Amino acid sequence: MGKNELDDPDRQKVSAALVRAGQRARELALQTGTGVAVRINGELRVLRGDDLKPKDQAEA
């Protein structure tokens, strides 16, 4: 990546936007009883139920 790409304000916001999108997808999946497809260590998995909750909530 060139310096110009790193200085682009839109590109600087991409990571935060992806995190928010992932959080919203998990919330929606919990509400609708569906799963979310994710890649973990190169393996494609579908997370459901307690696997979608933050660790501190899943144990409660």
PDB file of N, CA and C in Angstrom:
ATOM      1  N   MET A   1       0.829  -1.183   0.000  1.00  0.00           N
ATOM      2  CA  MET A   1       0.000   0.000   0.000  1.00  0.00           C
ATOM      3  C   MET A   1       0.867   1.237   0.000  1.00  0.00           C
ATOM      4  N   GLY A   2       0.504   2.192  -0.783  1.00  0.00           N
ATOM      5  CA  GLY A   2       1.233   3.446  -0.796  1.00  0.00           C
ATOM      6  C   GLY A   2       0.789   4.351   0.344  1.00  0.00           C
ATOM      7  N   LYS A   3       1.587   5.345   0.590  1.00  0.00           N
ATOM      8  CA  LYS A   3       1.287   6.269   1.688  1.00  0.00           C
ATOM      9  C   LYS A   3      -0.064   6.943   1.497  1.00  0.00           C
ATOM     10  N   ASN A   4      -0.418   7.272   0.279  1.00  0.00           N
ATOM     11  CA  ASN A   4      -1.692   7.936   0.008  1.00  0.00           C
ATOM     12  C   ASN A   4      -2.885   7.091   0.454  1.00  0.00           C
ATOM     13  N   GLU A   5      -2.798   5.774   0.293  1.00  0.00           N
ATOM     14  CA  GLU A   5      -3.890   4.895   0.702  1.00  0.00           C
ATOM     15  C   GLU A   5      -4.052   4.890   2.211  1.00  0.00           C
ATOM     16  N   LEU A   6      -2.954   4.930   2.963  1.00  0.00           N
ATOM     17  CA  LEU A   6      -3.030   4.931   4.411  1.00  0.00           C
ATOM     18  C   LEU A   6      -3.552   6.246   4.959  1.00  0.00           C
ATOM     19  N   ASP A   7      -3.318   7.331   4.235  1.00  0.00           N
ATOM     20  CA  ASP A   7      -3.764   8.643   4.677  1.00  0.00           C
ATOM     21  C   ASP A   7      -5.231   8.917   4.320  1.00  0.00           C
ATOM     22  N   ASP A   8      -5.834   8.078   3.517  1.00  0.00           N
ATOM     23  CA  ASP A   8      -7.217   8.272   3.095  1.00  0.00           C
ATOM     24  C   ASP A   8      -8.150   8.081   4.302  1.00  0.00           C
ATOM     25  N   PRO A   9      -8.895   9.122   4.711  1.00  0.00           N
ATOM     26  CA  PRO A   9      -9.761   9.020   5.888  1.00  0.00           C
ATOM     27  C   PRO A   9     -10.814   7.924   5.768  1.00  0.00           C
ATOM     28  N   ASP A  10     -11.308   7.674   4.565  1.00  0.00           N
ATOM     29  CA  ASP A  10     -12.297   6.611   4.387  1.00  0.00           C
ATOM     30  C   ASP A  10     -11.700   5.243   4.691  1.00  0.00           C
ATOM     31  N   ARG A  11     -10.484   5.015   4.252  1.00  0.00           N
ATOM     32  CA  ARG A  11      -9.831   3.727   4.508  1.00  0.00           C
ATOM     33  C   ARG A  11      -9.513   3.536   5.985  1.00  0.00           C
ATOM     34  N   GLN A  12      -9.257   4.605   6.691  1.00  0.00           N
ATOM     35  CA  GLN A  12      -8.966   4.521   8.115  1.00  0.00           C
ATOM     36  C   GLN A  12     -10.194   4.071   8.905  1.00  0.00           C
ATOM     37  N   LYS A  13     -11.377   4.289   8.371  1.00  0.00           N
ATOM     38  CA  LYS A  13     -12.621   3.943   9.060  1.00  0.00           C
ATOM     39  C   LYS A  13     -13.134   2.546   8.726  1.00  0.00           C
ATOM     40  N   VAL A  14     -12.498   1.877   7.779  1.00  0.00           N
ATOM     41  CA  VAL A  14     -12.980   0.580   7.312  1.00  0.00           C
ATOM     42  C   VAL A  14     -12.982  -0.459   8.430  1.00  0.00           C
ATOM     43  N   SER A  15     -11.924  -0.568   9.205  1.00  0.00           N
ATOM     44  CA  SER A  15     -11.850  -1.588  10.252  1.00  0.00           C
ATOM     45  C   SER A  15     -12.978  -1.437  11.264  1.00  0.00           C
ATOM     46  N   ALA A  16     -13.214  -0.221  11.726  1.00  0.00           N
ATOM     47  CA  ALA A  16     -14.283   0.016  12.696  1.00  0.00           C
ATOM     48  C   ALA A  16     -15.644  -0.324  12.091  1.00  0.00           C
ATOM     49  N   ALA A  17     -15.837  -0.003  10.822  1.00  0.00           N
ATOM     50  CA  ALA A  17     -17.105  -0.302  10.159  1.00  0.00           C
ATOM     51  C   ALA A  17     -17.321  -1.807  10.045  1.00  0.00           C
ATOM     52  N   LEU A  18     -16.262  -2.556   9.754  1.00  0.00           N
ATOM     53  CA  LEU A  18     -16.381  -4.013   9.666  1.00  0.00           C
ATOM     54  C   LEU A  18     -16.698  -4.634  11.012  1.00  0.00           C
ATOM     55  N   VAL A  19     -16.107  -4.104  12.081  1.00  0.00           N
ATOM     56  CA  VAL A  19     -16.400  -4.598  13.433  1.00  0.00           C
ATOM     57  C   VAL A  19     -17.872  -4.345  13.761  1.00  0.00           C
ATOM     58  N   ARG A  20     -18.359  -3.137  13.469  1.00  0.00           N
ATOM     59  CA  ARG A  20     -19.778  -2.820  13.728  1.00  0.00           C
ATOM     60  C   ARG A  20     -20.699  -3.728  12.925  1.00  0.00           C
ATOM     61  N   ALA A  21     -20.361  -3.987  11.686  1.00  0.00           N
ATOM     62  CA  ALA A  21     -21.185  -4.861  10.843  1.00  0.00           C
ATOM     63  C   ALA A  21     -21.221  -6.283  11.400  1.00  0.00           C
ATOM     64  N   GLY A  22     -20.091  -6.763  11.875  1.00  0.00           N
ATOM     65  CA  GLY A  22     -20.037  -8.095  12.473  1.00  0.00           C
ATOM     66  C   GLY A  22     -20.865  -8.188  13.737  1.00  0.00           C
ATOM     67  N   GLN A  23     -20.794  -7.152  14.571  1.00  0.00           N
ATOM     68  CA  GLN A  23     -21.596  -7.121  15.797  1.00  0.00           C
ATOM     69  C   GLN A  23     -23.083  -7.125  15.470  1.00  0.00           C
ATOM     70  N   ARG A  24     -23.460  -6.336  14.488  1.00  0.00           N
ATOM     71  CA  ARG A  24     -24.878  -6.266  14.108  1.00  0.00           C
ATOM     72  C   ARG A  24     -25.347  -7.597  13.525  1.00  0.00           C
ATOM     73  N   ALA A  25     -24.507  -8.247  12.748  1.00  0.00           N
ATOM     74  CA  ALA A  25     -24.873  -9.552  12.178  1.00  0.00           C
ATOM     75  C   ALA A  25     -25.099 -10.575  13.288  1.00  0.00           C
ATOM     76  N   ARG A  26     -24.261 -10.552  14.317  1.00  0.00           N
ATOM     77  CA  ARG A  26     -24.438 -11.472  15.449  1.00  0.00           C
ATOM     78  C   ARG A  26     -25.742 -11.172  16.190  1.00  0.00           C
ATOM     79  N   GLU A  27     -26.022  -9.890  16.433  1.00  0.00           N
ATOM     80  CA  GLU A  27     -27.267  -9.504  17.116  1.00  0.00           C
ATOM     81  C   GLU A  27     -28.488  -9.985  16.335  1.00  0.00           C
ATOM     82  N   LEU A  28     -28.471  -9.754  15.034  1.00  0.00           N
ATOM     83  CA  LEU A  28     -29.596 -10.142  14.188  1.00  0.00           C
ATOM     84  C   LEU A  28     -29.764 -11.664  14.162  1.00  0.00           C
ATOM     85  N   ALA A  29     -28.666 -12.386  14.098  1.00  0.00           N
ATOM     86  CA  ALA A  29     -28.731 -13.852  14.094  1.00  0.00           C
ATOM     87  C   ALA A  29     -29.315 -14.362  15.405  1.00  0.00           C
ATOM     88  N   LEU A  30     -28.942 -13.762  16.524  1.00  0.00           N
ATOM     89  CA  LEU A  30     -29.505 -14.169  17.818  1.00  0.00           C
ATOM     90  C   LEU A  30     -31.009 -13.899  17.870  1.00  0.00           C
ATOM     91  N   GLN A  31     -31.428 -12.755  17.344  1.00  0.00           N
ATOM     92  CA  GLN A  31     -32.846 -12.386  17.363  1.00  0.00           C
ATOM     93  C   GLN A  31     -33.690 -13.283  16.471  1.00  0.00           C
ATOM     94  N   THR A  32     -33.123 -13.739  15.377  1.00  0.00           N
ATOM     95  CA  THR A  32     -33.892 -14.517  14.398  1.00  0.00           C
ATOM     96  C   THR A  32     -33.640 -16.015  14.482  1.00  0.00           C
ATOM     97  N   GLY A  33     -32.731 -16.428  15.357  1.00  0.00           N
ATOM     98  CA  GLY A  33     -32.448 -17.859  15.498  1.00  0.00           C
ATOM     99  C   GLY A  33     -31.692 -18.447  14.322  1.00  0.00           C
ATOM    100  N   THR A  34     -30.962 -17.613  13.614  1.00  0.00           N
ATOM    101  CA  THR A  34     -30.166 -18.095  12.481  1.00  0.00           C
ATOM    102  C   THR A  34     -28.687 -18.085  12.850  1.00  0.00           C
ATOM    103  N   GLY A  35     -27.844 -18.450  11.941  1.00  0.00           N
ATOM    104  CA  GLY A  35     -26.407 -18.476  12.190  1.00  0.00           C
ATOM    105  C   GLY A  35     -25.680 -17.428  11.377  1.00  0.00           C
ATOM    106  N   VAL A  36     -24.395 -17.296  11.690  1.00  0.00           N
ATOM    107  CA  VAL A  36     -23.521 -16.386  10.957  1.00  0.00           C
ATOM    108  C   VAL A  36     -22.329 -17.199  10.459  1.00  0.00           C
ATOM    109  N   ALA A  37     -22.066 -17.140   9.163  1.00  0.00           N
ATOM    110  CA  ALA A  37     -20.921 -17.838   8.590  1.00  0.00           C
ATOM    111  C   ALA A  37     -19.671 -17.004   8.804  1.00  0.00           C
ATOM    112  N   VAL A  38     -18.634 -17.624   9.373  1.00  0.00           N
ATOM    113  CA  VAL A  38     -17.362 -16.953   9.631  1.00  0.00           C
ATOM    114  C   VAL A  38     -16.217 -17.892   9.269  1.00  0.00           C
ATOM    115  N   ARG A  39     -15.065 -17.307   9.028  1.00  0.00           N
ATOM    116  CA  ARG A  39     -13.869 -18.107   8.784  1.00  0.00           C
ATOM    117  C   ARG A  39     -12.981 -17.972  10.012  1.00  0.00           C
ATOM    118  N   ILE A  40     -12.686 -19.108  10.660  1.00  0.00           N
ATOM    119  CA  ILE A  40     -11.851 -19.133  11.857  1.00  0.00           C
ATOM    120  C   ILE A  40     -10.661 -20.049  11.570  1.00  0.00           C
ATOM    121  N   ASN A  41      -9.460 -19.475  11.636  1.00  0.00           N
ATOM    122  CA  ASN A  41      -8.238 -20.239  11.343  1.00  0.00           C
ATOM    123  C   ASN A  41      -8.332 -20.965  10.007  1.00  0.00           C
ATOM    124  N   GLY A  42      -8.900 -20.292   9.015  1.00  0.00           N
ATOM    125  CA  GLY A  42      -8.991 -20.866   7.678  1.00  0.00           C
ATOM    126  C   GLY A  42     -10.154 -21.821   7.470  1.00  0.00           C
ATOM    127  N   GLU A  43     -10.917 -22.108   8.523  1.00  0.00           N
ATOM    128  CA  GLU A  43     -12.037 -23.040   8.433  1.00  0.00           C
ATOM    129  C   GLU A  43     -13.349 -22.271   8.419  1.00  0.00           C
ATOM    130  N   LEU A  44     -14.222 -22.567   7.456  1.00  0.00           N
ATOM    131  CA  LEU A  44     -15.522 -21.929   7.378  1.00  0.00           C
ATOM    132  C   LEU A  44     -16.456 -22.597   8.379  1.00  0.00           C
ATOM    133  N   ARG A  45     -17.038 -21.793   9.278  1.00  0.00           N
ATOM    134  CA  ARG A  45     -17.948 -22.320  10.302  1.00  0.00           C
ATOM    135  C   ARG A  45     -19.211 -21.471  10.342  1.00  0.00           C
ATOM    136  N   VAL A  46     -20.300 -22.047  10.829  1.00  0.00           N
ATOM    137  CA  VAL A  46     -21.536 -21.307  11.076  1.00  0.00           C
ATOM    138  C   VAL A  46     -21.729 -21.263  12.574  1.00  0.00           C
ATOM    139  N   LEU A  47     -21.704 -20.057  13.135  1.00  0.00           N
ATOM    140  CA  LEU A  47     -21.883 -19.880  14.568  1.00  0.00           C
ATOM    141  C   LEU A  47     -23.360 -19.644  14.853  1.00  0.00           C
ATOM    142  N   ARG A  48     -23.847 -20.253  15.933  1.00  0.00           N
ATOM    143  CA  ARG A  48     -25.244 -20.110  16.343  1.00  0.00           C
ATOM    144  C   ARG A  48     -25.318 -20.020  17.864  1.00  0.00           C
ATOM    145  N   GLY A  49     -26.426 -19.520  18.360  1.00  0.00           N
ATOM    146  CA  GLY A  49     -26.714 -19.518  19.791  1.00  0.00           C
ATOM    147  C   GLY A  49     -25.622 -18.892  20.632  1.00  0.00           C
ATOM    148  N   ASP A  50     -25.178 -19.625  21.665  1.00  0.00           N
ATOM    149  CA  ASP A  50     -24.177 -19.109  22.602  1.00  0.00           C
ATOM    150  C   ASP A  50     -22.850 -18.783  21.931  1.00  0.00           C
ATOM    151  N   ASP A  51     -22.560 -19.406  20.801  1.00  0.00           N
ATOM    152  CA  ASP A  51     -21.313 -19.098  20.091  1.00  0.00           C
ATOM    153  C   ASP A  51     -21.309 -17.671  19.544  1.00  0.00           C
ATOM    154  N   LEU A  52     -22.491 -17.062  19.439  1.00  0.00           N
ATOM    155  CA  LEU A  52     -22.590 -15.695  18.922  1.00  0.00           C
ATOM    156  C   LEU A  52     -22.483 -14.645  20.019  1.00  0.00           C
ATOM    157  N   LYS A  53     -22.685 -15.052  21.271  1.00  0.00           N
ATOM    158  CA  LYS A  53     -22.681 -14.101  22.371  1.00  0.00           C
ATOM    159  C   LYS A  53     -21.255 -13.793  22.795  1.00  0.00           C
ATOM    160  N   PRO A  54     -21.015 -12.565  23.276  1.00  0.00           N
ATOM    161  CA  PRO A  54     -19.700 -12.291  23.864  1.00  0.00           C
ATOM    162  C   PRO A  54     -19.434 -13.279  24.995  1.00  0.00           C
ATOM    163  N   LYS A  55     -18.183 -13.638  25.206  1.00  0.00           N
ATOM    164  CA  LYS A  55     -17.837 -14.674  26.176  1.00  0.00           C
ATOM    165  C   LYS A  55     -18.409 -14.418  27.562  1.00  0.00           C
ATOM    166  N   ASP A  56     -18.406 -13.180  28.044  1.00  0.00           N
ATOM    167  CA  ASP A  56     -18.927 -12.905  29.367  1.00  0.00           C
ATOM    168  C   ASP A  56     -20.440 -13.125  29.459  1.00  0.00           C
ATOM    169  N   GLN A  57     -21.187 -12.959  28.366  1.00  0.00           N
ATOM    170  CA  GLN A  57     -22.623 -13.200  28.361  1.00  0.00           C
ATOM    171  C   GLN A  57     -22.937 -14.674  28.160  1.00  0.00           C
ATOM    172  N   ALA A  58     -22.108 -15.390  27.414  1.00  0.00           N
ATOM    173  CA  ALA A  58     -22.360 -16.813  27.137  1.00  0.00           C
ATOM    174  C   ALA A  58     -22.238 -17.631  28.414  1.00  0.00           C
ATOM    175  N   GLU A  59     -21.399 -17.199  29.341  1.00  0.00           N
ATOM    176  CA  GLU A  59     -21.197 -17.948  30.583  1.00  0.00           C
ATOM    177  C   GLU A  59     -22.265 -17.625  31.615  1.00  0.00           C
ATOM    178  N   ALA A  60     -22.955 -16.521  31.463  1.00  0.00           N
ATOM    179  CA  ALA A  60     -23.957 -16.099  32.453  1.00  0.00           C
ATOM    180  C   ALA A  60     -25.226 -16.923  32.366  1.00  0.00           C
TER     181      ALA A  60
END
